[in-house]
Amino acid sequence: MAMPTFASKAIKYFTKLAAQNNLPSSVQILNPYEKAEVNKAVKEFYQKFYNDDQKRIYVLGINPGRFGGGLTGISFTDPVALKKYCGIDNHLGNKEELSSKFVYEVINHFGGVNKFFSNFFLSAVYPLALIKNGKNYNYYDDNKLFSNLKPQLIASLKEQIKFGADRKVVICLGKKNAGYLKILNDELKLFSKIEVLDHPRFIMQYRKKKINYYITQYINTLNQ
């Protein structure tokens, strides 16, 4: 019997993800994995880049954006990047997401998708997209929301670790995200060290003139 690969474990987890329903009424969850085409793309992506049993450094964002992972089911990967860089054809839209654009700039500077994905796993602390008033919302933006989601945050991190995490370090995207990941990590003891980088959305929205500085910062951290 074949041993489960990083890909098979990730596919099994993501394609069966269900949203919980005890959230504040103003917050909606987008679960892209309810769509057959998303699951097809997810399977293709993981089988292409993760069909082995080697460990990877985890790079964790907050929760997927509605135009990125909230559409494709793959963190920091909008439909355009999925097709253009990952070589996976899809009909999930043609809108680019700011975070995805930055992340794939970094990936290209690092040496391309094959090199990057063989060393790193992009994901999120909370794996589903959150929406409030039609806009992206973060799992930590409301204390009650964080409390309600905490059991699922814990369960998600514990499951994702099993794919094949190199637990000596995790790279956390977003300083506020890092604060909450530290709370969870102190409790769960999943990673020995948390490295923190500014979030791609923050960089693209507020620091775009310094984009080359931030790309260099990312590359230096990845190379460590």
N, C-alpha and C. Protein backbone atom coordinates (compact mmCIF):
# COMPACT_ATOMS: atom_id res chain seq x y z
N MET A 1 0.84 -1.20 0.00
CA MET A 1 0.00 0.00 0.00
C MET A 1 0.89 1.25 0.00
N ALA A 2 0.61 2.16 -0.90
CA ALA A 2 1.44 3.38 -1.02
C ALA A 2 1.28 4.26 0.21
N MET A 3 2.41 4.81 0.66
CA MET A 3 2.37 5.73 1.80
C MET A 3 1.74 7.05 1.35
N PRO A 4 0.95 7.70 2.24
CA PRO A 4 0.36 8.98 1.86
C PRO A 4 1.44 10.05 1.63
N THR A 5 1.27 10.84 0.61
CA THR A 5 2.22 11.91 0.30
C THR A 5 1.72 13.23 0.90
N PHE A 6 2.59 14.23 0.84
CA PHE A 6 2.17 15.58 1.23
C PHE A 6 0.93 15.95 0.43
N ALA A 7 0.95 15.69 -0.86
CA ALA A 7 -0.18 16.02 -1.74
C ALA A 7 -1.46 15.32 -1.31
N SER A 8 -1.39 14.02 -1.09
CA SER A 8 -2.61 13.27 -0.78
C SER A 8 -3.23 13.73 0.54
N LYS A 9 -2.38 14.07 1.52
CA LYS A 9 -2.89 14.55 2.81
C LYS A 9 -3.52 15.93 2.68
N ALA A 10 -2.87 16.82 1.91
CA ALA A 10 -3.41 18.17 1.69
C ALA A 10 -4.74 18.12 0.94
N ILE A 11 -4.79 17.31 -0.12
CA ILE A 11 -6.01 17.20 -0.92
C ILE A 11 -7.16 16.67 -0.06
N LYS A 12 -6.89 15.64 0.70
CA LYS A 12 -7.93 15.05 1.56
C LYS A 12 -8.46 16.08 2.56
N TYR A 13 -7.55 16.86 3.14
CA TYR A 13 -7.97 17.85 4.14
C TYR A 13 -8.78 18.98 3.51
N PHE A 14 -8.22 19.63 2.49
CA PHE A 14 -8.86 20.81 1.93
C PHE A 14 -10.19 20.49 1.24
N THR A 15 -10.25 19.40 0.49
CA THR A 15 -11.48 19.12 -0.26
C THR A 15 -12.64 18.67 0.63
N LYS A 16 -12.33 18.40 1.91
CA LYS A 16 -13.41 18.01 2.84
C LYS A 16 -13.69 19.11 3.88
N LEU A 17 -13.07 20.28 3.70
CA LEU A 17 -13.24 21.35 4.68
C LEU A 17 -14.69 21.84 4.74
N ALA A 18 -15.21 21.94 5.94
CA ALA A 18 -16.57 22.46 6.13
C ALA A 18 -16.50 23.70 7.01
N ALA A 19 -17.35 24.66 6.71
CA ALA A 19 -17.39 25.90 7.49
C ALA A 19 -18.25 25.70 8.73
N GLN A 20 -17.81 26.28 9.83
CA GLN A 20 -18.65 26.21 11.03
C GLN A 20 -19.71 27.31 10.96
N ASN A 21 -20.76 27.17 11.75
CA ASN A 21 -21.87 28.12 11.61
C ASN A 21 -22.19 28.90 12.88
N ASN A 22 -21.23 28.99 13.80
CA ASN A 22 -21.50 29.72 15.05
C ASN A 22 -20.84 31.09 15.06
N LEU A 23 -20.75 31.72 13.87
CA LEU A 23 -20.09 33.02 13.77
C LEU A 23 -21.09 34.15 13.94
N PRO A 24 -20.60 35.36 14.29
CA PRO A 24 -21.49 36.52 14.32
C PRO A 24 -22.22 36.66 12.99
N SER A 25 -23.48 37.07 13.03
CA SER A 25 -24.33 37.10 11.82
C SER A 25 -23.80 38.02 10.73
N SER A 26 -22.98 39.00 11.11
CA SER A 26 -22.45 39.95 10.12
C SER A 26 -21.27 39.38 9.32
N VAL A 27 -20.73 38.23 9.76
CA VAL A 27 -19.55 37.64 9.12
C VAL A 27 -19.96 36.40 8.32
N GLN A 28 -19.57 36.39 7.05
CA GLN A 28 -19.84 35.22 6.21
C GLN A 28 -18.54 34.48 5.89
N ILE A 29 -18.68 33.19 5.68
CA ILE A 29 -17.54 32.36 5.27
C ILE A 29 -17.70 31.98 3.81
N LEU A 30 -16.63 32.14 3.04
CA LEU A 30 -16.60 31.63 1.67
C LEU A 30 -15.84 30.32 1.67
N ASN A 31 -16.48 29.25 1.30
CA ASN A 31 -15.81 27.96 1.23
C ASN A 31 -15.68 27.52 -0.23
N PRO A 32 -14.53 27.79 -0.86
CA PRO A 32 -14.36 27.47 -2.27
C PRO A 32 -14.39 25.98 -2.55
N TYR A 33 -14.11 25.18 -1.50
CA TYR A 33 -14.01 23.73 -1.69
C TYR A 33 -15.36 23.05 -1.90
N GLU A 34 -16.43 23.84 -1.83
CA GLU A 34 -17.76 23.30 -2.15
C GLU A 34 -17.96 23.18 -3.66
N LYS A 35 -17.03 23.77 -4.43
CA LYS A 35 -17.15 23.76 -5.90
C LYS A 35 -16.26 22.68 -6.52
N ALA A 36 -16.85 21.92 -7.42
CA ALA A 36 -16.12 20.81 -8.07
C ALA A 36 -14.90 21.32 -8.82
N GLU A 37 -15.01 22.48 -9.49
CA GLU A 37 -13.87 22.97 -10.27
C GLU A 37 -12.70 23.37 -9.38
N VAL A 38 -13.01 23.93 -8.20
CA VAL A 38 -11.95 24.27 -7.26
C VAL A 38 -11.23 23.01 -6.80
N ASN A 39 -11.98 21.99 -6.45
CA ASN A 39 -11.38 20.74 -6.00
C ASN A 39 -10.51 20.10 -7.08
N LYS A 40 -10.95 20.24 -8.32
CA LYS A 40 -10.16 19.73 -9.45
C LYS A 40 -8.82 20.47 -9.53
N ALA A 41 -8.86 21.80 -9.41
CA ALA A 41 -7.64 22.62 -9.47
C ALA A 41 -6.72 22.32 -8.28
N VAL A 42 -7.32 22.18 -7.10
CA VAL A 42 -6.56 21.87 -5.89
C VAL A 42 -5.82 20.54 -6.04
N LYS A 43 -6.52 19.53 -6.54
CA LYS A 43 -5.90 18.21 -6.74
C LYS A 43 -4.74 18.31 -7.74
N GLU A 44 -4.99 19.04 -8.82
CA GLU A 44 -3.95 19.18 -9.85
C GLU A 44 -2.73 19.90 -9.30
N PHE A 45 -2.97 20.97 -8.54
CA PHE A 45 -1.89 21.77 -7.95
C PHE A 45 -1.03 20.93 -7.01
N TYR A 46 -1.65 20.25 -6.08
CA TYR A 46 -0.87 19.48 -5.09
C TYR A 46 -0.18 18.27 -5.72
N GLN A 47 -0.85 17.62 -6.67
CA GLN A 47 -0.21 16.49 -7.33
C GLN A 47 0.99 16.93 -8.17
N LYS A 48 0.92 18.16 -8.67
CA LYS A 48 2.01 18.68 -9.50
C LYS A 48 3.23 19.09 -8.66
N PHE A 49 2.98 19.73 -7.52
CA PHE A 49 4.09 20.33 -6.77
C PHE A 49 4.43 19.63 -5.44
N TYR A 50 3.54 18.78 -4.94
CA TYR A 50 3.74 18.22 -3.60
C TYR A 50 3.61 16.70 -3.56
N ASN A 51 3.80 16.05 -4.68
CA ASN A 51 3.58 14.61 -4.74
C ASN A 51 4.81 13.83 -4.25
N ASP A 52 5.17 14.07 -2.99
CA ASP A 52 6.34 13.43 -2.36
C ASP A 52 6.11 13.43 -0.86
N ASP A 53 7.10 12.99 -0.11
CA ASP A 53 6.93 12.97 1.35
C ASP A 53 7.98 13.85 2.05
N GLN A 54 8.54 14.81 1.33
CA GLN A 54 9.55 15.65 1.97
C GLN A 54 8.91 16.77 2.79
N LYS A 55 9.61 17.17 3.83
CA LYS A 55 9.10 18.21 4.73
C LYS A 55 9.35 19.59 4.13
N ARG A 56 8.47 20.51 4.47
CA ARG A 56 8.59 21.89 3.96
C ARG A 56 8.42 22.90 5.09
N ILE A 57 9.03 24.07 4.88
CA ILE A 57 8.81 25.20 5.79
C ILE A 57 7.43 25.79 5.46
N TYR A 58 6.64 26.03 6.50
CA TYR A 58 5.31 26.58 6.30
C TYR A 58 5.37 28.11 6.30
N VAL A 59 4.62 28.70 5.37
CA VAL A 59 4.47 30.16 5.28
C VAL A 59 2.98 30.43 5.45
N LEU A 60 2.62 31.03 6.59
CA LEU A 60 1.21 31.16 6.94
C LEU A 60 0.70 32.59 6.89
N GLY A 61 -0.34 32.80 6.09
CA GLY A 61 -1.04 34.07 6.07
C GLY A 61 -2.15 34.07 7.11
N ILE A 62 -3.09 35.00 6.95
CA ILE A 62 -4.16 35.20 7.93
C ILE A 62 -5.31 34.25 7.61
N ASN A 63 -6.11 34.61 6.62
CA ASN A 63 -7.10 33.73 6.01
C ASN A 63 -7.24 34.18 4.56
N PRO A 64 -7.64 33.29 3.65
CA PRO A 64 -7.62 33.63 2.23
C PRO A 64 -8.50 34.85 1.89
N GLY A 65 -8.07 35.61 0.89
CA GLY A 65 -8.87 36.73 0.38
C GLY A 65 -9.91 36.23 -0.61
N ARG A 66 -10.96 37.01 -0.77
CA ARG A 66 -12.08 36.55 -1.61
C ARG A 66 -11.72 36.47 -3.09
N PHE A 67 -10.64 37.15 -3.53
CA PHE A 67 -10.23 37.08 -4.93
C PHE A 67 -8.97 36.22 -5.15
N GLY A 68 -8.45 35.66 -4.06
CA GLY A 68 -7.25 34.81 -4.16
C GLY A 68 -7.59 33.38 -3.81
N GLY A 69 -7.10 32.94 -2.64
CA GLY A 69 -7.40 31.59 -2.17
C GLY A 69 -8.88 31.34 -1.96
N GLY A 70 -9.64 32.41 -1.72
CA GLY A 70 -11.09 32.28 -1.57
C GLY A 70 -11.78 31.90 -2.87
N LEU A 71 -11.09 32.07 -3.98
CA LEU A 71 -11.60 31.64 -5.30
C LEU A 71 -11.02 30.31 -5.74
N THR A 72 -9.71 30.16 -5.54
CA THR A 72 -9.00 28.99 -6.11
C THR A 72 -8.84 27.83 -5.13
N GLY A 73 -8.94 28.13 -3.83
CA GLY A 73 -8.68 27.09 -2.83
C GLY A 73 -7.20 26.90 -2.55
N ILE A 74 -6.35 27.74 -3.15
CA ILE A 74 -4.90 27.65 -2.97
C ILE A 74 -4.39 29.00 -2.45
N SER A 75 -3.78 28.98 -1.28
CA SER A 75 -3.39 30.22 -0.60
C SER A 75 -2.53 31.13 -1.47
N PHE A 76 -2.84 32.42 -1.41
CA PHE A 76 -2.09 33.48 -2.11
C PHE A 76 -2.00 33.24 -3.62
N THR A 77 -2.97 32.51 -4.15
CA THR A 77 -2.93 32.16 -5.57
C THR A 77 -4.26 32.51 -6.22
N ASP A 78 -4.27 33.61 -6.99
CA ASP A 78 -5.50 33.97 -7.70
C ASP A 78 -5.59 33.14 -8.99
N PRO A 79 -6.74 33.18 -9.68
CA PRO A 79 -6.90 32.35 -10.89
C PRO A 79 -5.86 32.66 -11.98
N VAL A 80 -5.43 33.92 -12.05
CA VAL A 80 -4.44 34.33 -13.06
C VAL A 80 -3.08 33.67 -12.76
N ALA A 81 -2.65 33.74 -11.50
CA ALA A 81 -1.37 33.12 -11.10
C ALA A 81 -1.42 31.60 -11.24
N LEU A 82 -2.58 31.04 -10.93
CA LEU A 82 -2.75 29.59 -11.03
C LEU A 82 -2.49 29.11 -12.46
N LYS A 83 -2.97 29.90 -13.42
CA LYS A 83 -2.78 29.54 -14.82
C LYS A 83 -1.39 29.95 -15.33
N LYS A 84 -1.02 31.21 -15.06
CA LYS A 84 0.21 31.78 -15.63
C LYS A 84 1.48 31.16 -15.07
N TYR A 85 1.53 30.97 -13.75
CA TYR A 85 2.76 30.50 -13.12
C TYR A 85 2.73 29.01 -12.77
N CYS A 86 1.55 28.54 -12.35
CA CYS A 86 1.46 27.13 -11.94
C CYS A 86 1.10 26.21 -13.09
N GLY A 87 0.69 26.81 -14.23
CA GLY A 87 0.37 26.01 -15.40
C GLY A 87 -0.91 25.20 -15.26
N ILE A 88 -1.83 25.68 -14.41
CA ILE A 88 -3.08 24.95 -14.20
C ILE A 88 -4.24 25.76 -14.77
N ASP A 89 -4.77 25.28 -15.88
CA ASP A 89 -5.87 25.97 -16.55
C ASP A 89 -7.10 25.93 -15.65
N ASN A 90 -7.88 27.02 -15.67
CA ASN A 90 -9.06 27.07 -14.83
C ASN A 90 -10.04 28.11 -15.37
N HIS A 91 -11.26 28.00 -14.92
CA HIS A 91 -12.31 28.96 -15.29
C HIS A 91 -12.85 29.62 -14.02
N LEU A 92 -11.93 29.99 -13.13
CA LEU A 92 -12.33 30.54 -11.83
C LEU A 92 -12.33 32.07 -11.81
N GLY A 93 -12.10 32.68 -12.97
CA GLY A 93 -12.11 34.14 -13.06
C GLY A 93 -10.81 34.65 -13.65
N ASN A 94 -10.76 35.97 -13.90
CA ASN A 94 -9.52 36.54 -14.44
C ASN A 94 -9.11 37.79 -13.66
N LYS A 95 -9.55 37.84 -12.40
CA LYS A 95 -9.22 38.97 -11.55
C LYS A 95 -7.93 38.68 -10.78
N GLU A 96 -7.03 39.64 -10.76
CA GLU A 96 -5.79 39.48 -10.00
C GLU A 96 -5.98 40.03 -8.59
N GLU A 97 -5.31 39.40 -7.63
CA GLU A 97 -5.36 39.84 -6.24
C GLU A 97 -4.00 40.43 -5.86
N LEU A 98 -4.01 41.53 -5.10
CA LEU A 98 -2.75 42.20 -4.74
C LEU A 98 -1.78 41.27 -4.02
N SER A 99 -2.26 40.54 -3.03
CA SER A 99 -1.37 39.64 -2.27
C SER A 99 -0.76 38.59 -3.17
N SER A 100 -1.57 38.03 -4.05
CA SER A 100 -1.09 37.00 -4.98
C SER A 100 -0.02 37.56 -5.91
N LYS A 101 -0.23 38.77 -6.40
CA LYS A 101 0.76 39.40 -7.29
C LYS A 101 2.11 39.53 -6.60
N PHE A 102 2.10 39.97 -5.34
CA PHE A 102 3.35 40.13 -4.61
C PHE A 102 4.02 38.78 -4.35
N VAL A 103 3.23 37.82 -3.89
CA VAL A 103 3.79 36.50 -3.55
C VAL A 103 4.43 35.85 -4.77
N TYR A 104 3.80 35.97 -5.94
CA TYR A 104 4.39 35.34 -7.13
C TYR A 104 5.59 36.12 -7.67
N GLU A 105 5.67 37.41 -7.35
CA GLU A 105 6.91 38.17 -7.62
C GLU A 105 8.05 37.56 -6.79
N VAL A 106 7.76 37.32 -5.52
CA VAL A 106 8.76 36.71 -4.63
C VAL A 106 9.15 35.33 -5.13
N ILE A 107 8.15 34.52 -5.49
CA ILE A 107 8.41 33.15 -5.97
C ILE A 107 9.31 33.18 -7.21
N ASN A 108 9.02 34.10 -8.12
CA ASN A 108 9.84 34.20 -9.33
C ASN A 108 11.27 34.62 -9.01
N HIS A 109 11.43 35.55 -8.07
CA HIS A 109 12.77 35.96 -7.65
C HIS A 109 13.50 34.82 -6.93
N PHE A 110 12.77 33.97 -6.27
CA PHE A 110 13.36 32.86 -5.52
C PHE A 110 13.87 31.76 -6.46
N GLY A 111 13.28 31.70 -7.66
CA GLY A 111 13.73 30.67 -8.60
C GLY A 111 12.60 29.93 -9.28
N GLY A 112 11.37 30.41 -9.06
CA GLY A 112 10.23 29.81 -9.75
C GLY A 112 9.41 28.86 -8.89
N VAL A 113 8.28 28.44 -9.43
CA VAL A 113 7.31 27.66 -8.66
C VAL A 113 7.86 26.29 -8.22
N ASN A 114 8.58 25.61 -9.09
CA ASN A 114 9.08 24.28 -8.72
C ASN A 114 10.04 24.33 -7.54
N LYS A 115 10.95 25.27 -7.59
CA LYS A 115 11.91 25.42 -6.48
C LYS A 115 11.20 25.87 -5.20
N PHE A 116 10.31 26.84 -5.34
CA PHE A 116 9.64 27.38 -4.16
C PHE A 116 8.78 26.31 -3.48
N PHE A 117 7.90 25.67 -4.26
CA PHE A 117 6.96 24.72 -3.65
C PHE A 117 7.64 23.43 -3.18
N SER A 118 8.84 23.15 -3.67
CA SER A 118 9.54 21.98 -3.15
C SER A 118 10.17 22.28 -1.78
N ASN A 119 10.26 23.56 -1.43
CA ASN A 119 10.83 23.96 -0.14
C ASN A 119 9.81 24.52 0.85
N PHE A 120 8.73 25.11 0.31
CA PHE A 120 7.78 25.82 1.17
C PHE A 120 6.34 25.41 0.89
N PHE A 121 5.51 25.60 1.91
CA PHE A 121 4.07 25.36 1.80
C PHE A 121 3.36 26.65 2.20
N LEU A 122 2.63 27.23 1.25
CA LEU A 122 1.85 28.44 1.52
C LEU A 122 0.48 28.05 2.05
N SER A 123 0.10 28.62 3.17
CA SER A 123 -1.24 28.35 3.70
C SER A 123 -1.67 29.52 4.59
N ALA A 124 -2.65 29.25 5.45
CA ALA A 124 -3.19 30.31 6.30
C ALA A 124 -3.53 29.74 7.67
N VAL A 125 -3.52 30.61 8.67
CA VAL A 125 -3.90 30.19 10.02
C VAL A 125 -5.35 29.71 10.02
N TYR A 126 -6.24 30.47 9.35
CA TYR A 126 -7.62 30.02 9.15
C TYR A 126 -7.80 29.76 7.66
N PRO A 127 -8.22 28.57 7.28
CA PRO A 127 -8.13 28.18 5.86
C PRO A 127 -9.26 28.64 4.94
N LEU A 128 -10.28 29.31 5.48
CA LEU A 128 -11.39 29.75 4.64
C LEU A 128 -11.48 31.28 4.62
N ALA A 129 -12.06 31.81 3.55
CA ALA A 129 -12.19 33.27 3.41
C ALA A 129 -13.32 33.79 4.29
N LEU A 130 -13.09 34.93 4.92
CA LEU A 130 -14.10 35.59 5.76
C LEU A 130 -14.48 36.91 5.12
N ILE A 131 -15.78 37.21 5.11
CA ILE A 131 -16.30 38.42 4.49
C ILE A 131 -17.20 39.16 5.47
N LYS A 132 -17.04 40.48 5.53
CA LYS A 132 -17.96 41.32 6.30
C LYS A 132 -18.26 42.57 5.48
N ASN A 133 -19.53 42.85 5.30
CA ASN A 133 -19.96 44.00 4.47
C ASN A 133 -19.33 43.96 3.07
N GLY A 134 -19.22 42.76 2.52
CA GLY A 134 -18.71 42.60 1.16
C GLY A 134 -17.20 42.73 1.02
N LYS A 135 -16.48 42.85 2.14
CA LYS A 135 -15.02 43.01 2.09
C LYS A 135 -14.32 41.91 2.86
N ASN A 136 -13.03 41.71 2.53
CA ASN A 136 -12.24 40.72 3.27
C ASN A 136 -12.23 41.07 4.75
N TYR A 137 -12.28 40.05 5.57
CA TYR A 137 -12.26 40.23 7.02
C TYR A 137 -11.24 39.26 7.59
N ASN A 138 -10.60 39.62 8.69
CA ASN A 138 -9.57 38.77 9.27
C ASN A 138 -10.10 38.03 10.50
N TYR A 139 -9.60 36.84 10.73
CA TYR A 139 -10.09 36.03 11.85
C TYR A 139 -9.89 36.71 13.20
N TYR A 140 -8.94 37.67 13.29
CA TYR A 140 -8.65 38.34 14.55
C TYR A 140 -9.28 39.73 14.66
N ASP A 141 -10.07 40.15 13.67
CA ASP A 141 -10.60 41.52 13.66
C ASP A 141 -11.64 41.77 14.75
N ASP A 142 -12.13 40.71 15.35
CA ASP A 142 -13.16 40.82 16.37
C ASP A 142 -12.87 39.74 17.41
N ASN A 143 -12.81 40.13 18.68
CA ASN A 143 -12.45 39.18 19.74
C ASN A 143 -13.43 38.01 19.83
N LYS A 144 -14.72 38.32 19.62
CA LYS A 144 -15.73 37.26 19.68
C LYS A 144 -15.53 36.28 18.53
N LEU A 145 -15.21 36.83 17.35
CA LEU A 145 -14.96 35.98 16.18
C LEU A 145 -13.76 35.07 16.44
N PHE A 146 -12.67 35.64 16.98
CA PHE A 146 -11.49 34.84 17.29
C PHE A 146 -11.83 33.73 18.28
N SER A 147 -12.59 34.07 19.31
CA SER A 147 -12.98 33.05 20.31
C SER A 147 -13.81 31.95 19.68
N ASN A 148 -14.76 32.34 18.81
CA ASN A 148 -15.61 31.35 18.15
C ASN A 148 -14.81 30.45 17.21
N LEU A 149 -13.82 31.06 16.54
CA LEU A 149 -13.04 30.31 15.56
C LEU A 149 -11.89 29.53 16.18
N LYS A 150 -11.52 29.86 17.41
CA LYS A 150 -10.30 29.28 18.00
C LYS A 150 -10.25 27.75 17.94
N PRO A 151 -11.33 27.04 18.26
CA PRO A 151 -11.25 25.57 18.14
C PRO A 151 -10.93 25.12 16.72
N GLN A 152 -11.47 25.83 15.72
CA GLN A 152 -11.19 25.45 14.33
C GLN A 152 -9.78 25.88 13.91
N LEU A 153 -9.30 27.00 14.45
CA LEU A 153 -7.92 27.42 14.17
C LEU A 153 -6.95 26.36 14.69
N ILE A 154 -7.21 25.89 15.90
CA ILE A 154 -6.35 24.86 16.51
C ILE A 154 -6.41 23.56 15.71
N ALA A 155 -7.63 23.14 15.38
CA ALA A 155 -7.80 21.89 14.62
C ALA A 155 -7.13 21.99 13.25
N SER A 156 -7.28 23.16 12.61
CA SER A 156 -6.71 23.35 11.27
C SER A 156 -5.18 23.30 11.31
N LEU A 157 -4.59 24.00 12.26
CA LEU A 157 -3.12 24.00 12.36
C LEU A 157 -2.59 22.59 12.65
N LYS A 158 -3.27 21.88 13.55
CA LYS A 158 -2.83 20.53 13.91
C LYS A 158 -2.92 19.58 12.71
N GLU A 159 -3.95 19.75 11.90
CA GLU A 159 -4.10 18.90 10.72
C GLU A 159 -3.08 19.26 9.63
N GLN A 160 -2.91 20.58 9.40
CA GLN A 160 -2.00 21.01 8.34
C GLN A 160 -0.55 20.60 8.63
N ILE A 161 -0.19 20.61 9.91
CA ILE A 161 1.15 20.18 10.33
C ILE A 161 1.45 18.76 9.84
N LYS A 162 0.40 17.93 9.84
CA LYS A 162 0.58 16.51 9.48
C LYS A 162 0.92 16.30 8.01
N PHE A 163 0.68 17.30 7.17
CA PHE A 163 1.02 17.14 5.74
C PHE A 163 2.50 16.85 5.57
N GLY A 164 3.32 17.54 6.40
CA GLY A 164 4.78 17.38 6.29
C GLY A 164 5.51 18.66 6.65
N ALA A 165 5.28 19.16 7.86
CA ALA A 165 5.90 20.43 8.28
C ALA A 165 7.30 20.22 8.81
N ASP A 166 8.21 21.10 8.40
CA ASP A 166 9.50 21.24 9.05
C ASP A 166 9.24 22.19 10.21
N ARG A 167 9.18 21.62 11.41
CA ARG A 167 8.66 22.38 12.55
C ARG A 167 9.69 23.27 13.25
N LYS A 168 10.91 23.33 12.69
CA LYS A 168 11.92 24.17 13.36
C LYS A 168 11.59 25.66 13.24
N VAL A 169 10.85 26.03 12.20
CA VAL A 169 10.48 27.45 12.02
C VAL A 169 9.22 27.55 11.17
N VAL A 170 8.42 28.58 11.43
CA VAL A 170 7.29 28.93 10.57
C VAL A 170 7.46 30.39 10.18
N ILE A 171 7.17 30.72 8.93
CA ILE A 171 7.21 32.11 8.49
C ILE A 171 5.77 32.64 8.52
N CYS A 172 5.56 33.67 9.31
CA CYS A 172 4.21 34.22 9.49
C CYS A 172 4.11 35.55 8.75
N LEU A 173 3.09 35.69 7.91
CA LEU A 173 2.89 36.91 7.14
C LEU A 173 1.88 37.80 7.84
N GLY A 174 2.34 38.97 8.27
CA GLY A 174 1.49 39.92 8.98
C GLY A 174 1.84 39.97 10.45
N LYS A 175 2.12 41.17 10.95
CA LYS A 175 2.58 41.32 12.34
C LYS A 175 1.48 41.01 13.34
N LYS A 176 0.26 41.46 13.06
CA LYS A 176 -0.85 41.15 13.97
C LYS A 176 -1.17 39.66 13.92
N ASN A 177 -1.10 39.09 12.73
CA ASN A 177 -1.28 37.65 12.56
C ASN A 177 -0.29 36.88 13.42
N ALA A 178 0.95 37.37 13.45
CA ALA A 178 2.01 36.71 14.23
C ALA A 178 1.68 36.71 15.72
N GLY A 179 1.08 37.79 16.20
CA GLY A 179 0.70 37.86 17.61
C GLY A 179 -0.29 36.77 17.98
N TYR A 180 -1.25 36.56 17.10
CA TYR A 180 -2.27 35.53 17.36
C TYR A 180 -1.72 34.13 17.12
N LEU A 181 -0.85 33.99 16.12
CA LEU A 181 -0.22 32.69 15.90
C LEU A 181 0.64 32.31 17.10
N LYS A 182 1.27 33.29 17.72
CA LYS A 182 2.09 33.02 18.91
C LYS A 182 1.22 32.49 20.05
N ILE A 183 0.03 33.09 20.22
CA ILE A 183 -0.91 32.61 21.26
C ILE A 183 -1.23 31.13 21.02
N LEU A 184 -1.55 30.81 19.76
CA LEU A 184 -1.91 29.44 19.42
C LEU A 184 -0.70 28.50 19.53
N ASN A 185 0.46 28.99 19.08
CA ASN A 185 1.67 28.15 19.10
C ASN A 185 2.16 27.90 20.53
N ASP A 186 2.02 28.89 21.40
CA ASP A 186 2.40 28.71 22.81
C ASP A 186 1.58 27.58 23.44
N GLU A 187 0.33 27.49 23.01
CA GLU A 187 -0.57 26.46 23.53
C GLU A 187 -0.28 25.09 22.91
N LEU A 188 -0.01 25.09 21.61
CA LEU A 188 0.09 23.83 20.87
C LEU A 188 1.51 23.31 20.71
N LYS A 189 2.51 24.22 20.86
CA LYS A 189 3.92 23.84 20.69
C LYS A 189 4.18 23.18 19.33
N LEU A 190 3.70 23.81 18.25
CA LEU A 190 3.84 23.24 16.91
C LEU A 190 5.18 23.60 16.27
N PHE A 191 5.59 24.88 16.43
CA PHE A 191 6.81 25.36 15.77
C PHE A 191 7.79 25.87 16.82
N SER A 192 9.07 25.62 16.57
CA SER A 192 10.11 26.07 17.52
C SER A 192 10.32 27.58 17.46
N LYS A 193 10.10 28.16 16.28
CA LYS A 193 10.40 29.59 16.09
C LYS A 193 9.43 30.19 15.08
N ILE A 194 9.05 31.45 15.29
CA ILE A 194 8.19 32.17 14.34
C ILE A 194 8.98 33.33 13.75
N GLU A 195 9.17 33.30 12.43
CA GLU A 195 9.77 34.44 11.70
C GLU A 195 8.62 35.28 11.15
N VAL A 196 8.70 36.59 11.29
CA VAL A 196 7.59 37.46 10.90
C VAL A 196 7.98 38.38 9.73
N LEU A 197 7.13 38.42 8.72
CA LEU A 197 7.29 39.34 7.59
C LEU A 197 6.01 40.17 7.44
N ASP A 198 6.15 41.37 6.88
CA ASP A 198 4.97 42.19 6.61
C ASP A 198 4.06 41.47 5.62
N HIS A 199 2.77 41.65 5.79
CA HIS A 199 1.81 40.95 4.94
C HIS A 199 1.82 41.51 3.51
N PRO A 200 1.72 40.63 2.49
CA PRO A 200 1.72 41.10 1.10
C PRO A 200 0.67 42.18 0.81
N ARG A 201 -0.50 42.05 1.40
CA ARG A 201 -1.56 43.04 1.16
C ARG A 201 -1.13 44.42 1.68
N PHE A 202 -0.55 44.44 2.87
CA PHE A 202 -0.06 45.70 3.46
C PHE A 202 1.00 46.32 2.55
N ILE A 203 1.93 45.50 2.08
CA ILE A 203 3.01 45.99 1.21
C ILE A 203 2.44 46.59 -0.07
N MET A 204 1.54 45.87 -0.71
CA MET A 204 0.98 46.32 -2.00
C MET A 204 0.06 47.53 -1.86
N GLN A 205 -0.56 47.65 -0.70
CA GLN A 205 -1.51 48.75 -0.50
C GLN A 205 -0.84 50.02 0.04
N TYR A 206 0.15 49.83 0.91
CA TYR A 206 0.71 50.99 1.60
C TYR A 206 2.21 51.23 1.37
N ARG A 207 2.92 50.24 0.82
CA ARG A 207 4.37 50.37 0.68
C ARG A 207 4.84 50.00 -0.73
N LYS A 208 3.98 50.21 -1.72
CA LYS A 208 4.30 49.70 -3.05
C LYS A 208 5.56 50.34 -3.64
N LYS A 209 5.85 51.57 -3.26
CA LYS A 209 7.06 52.24 -3.78
C LYS A 209 8.33 51.54 -3.29
N LYS A 210 8.21 50.80 -2.19
CA LYS A 210 9.37 50.09 -1.63
C LYS A 210 9.30 48.59 -1.91
N ILE A 211 8.58 48.21 -2.96
CA ILE A 211 8.33 46.78 -3.22
C ILE A 211 9.62 45.99 -3.36
N ASN A 212 10.64 46.56 -3.99
CA ASN A 212 11.91 45.83 -4.17
C ASN A 212 12.59 45.55 -2.83
N TYR A 213 12.47 46.50 -1.91
CA TYR A 213 13.00 46.31 -0.55
C TYR A 213 12.33 45.10 0.11
N TYR A 214 11.00 45.04 -0.01
CA TYR A 214 10.26 43.95 0.64
C TYR A 214 10.50 42.61 -0.05
N ILE A 215 10.65 42.61 -1.36
CA ILE A 215 10.97 41.36 -2.07
C ILE A 215 12.32 40.83 -1.56
N THR A 216 13.31 41.73 -1.44
CA THR A 216 14.63 41.34 -0.92
C THR A 216 14.52 40.79 0.50
N GLN A 217 13.70 41.44 1.31
CA GLN A 217 13.50 40.99 2.70
C GLN A 217 12.91 39.58 2.73
N TYR A 218 11.93 39.35 1.88
CA TYR A 218 11.32 38.01 1.78
C TYR A 218 12.35 36.98 1.34
N ILE A 219 13.09 37.31 0.27
CA ILE A 219 14.07 36.36 -0.27
C ILE A 219 15.13 36.02 0.76
N ASN A 220 15.60 37.03 1.48
CA ASN A 220 16.61 36.80 2.53
C ASN A 220 16.08 35.86 3.59
N THR A 221 14.83 36.05 3.98
CA THR A 221 14.20 35.19 5.00
C THR A 221 14.04 33.77 4.48
N LEU A 222 13.58 33.63 3.24
CA LEU A 222 13.41 32.29 2.66
C LEU A 222 14.74 31.56 2.54
N ASN A 223 15.80 32.30 2.20
CA ASN A 223 17.11 31.68 2.03
C ASN A 223 17.76 31.26 3.34
N GLN A 224 17.30 31.82 4.43
CA GLN A 224 17.84 31.43 5.74
C GLN A 224 17.45 30.00 6.08
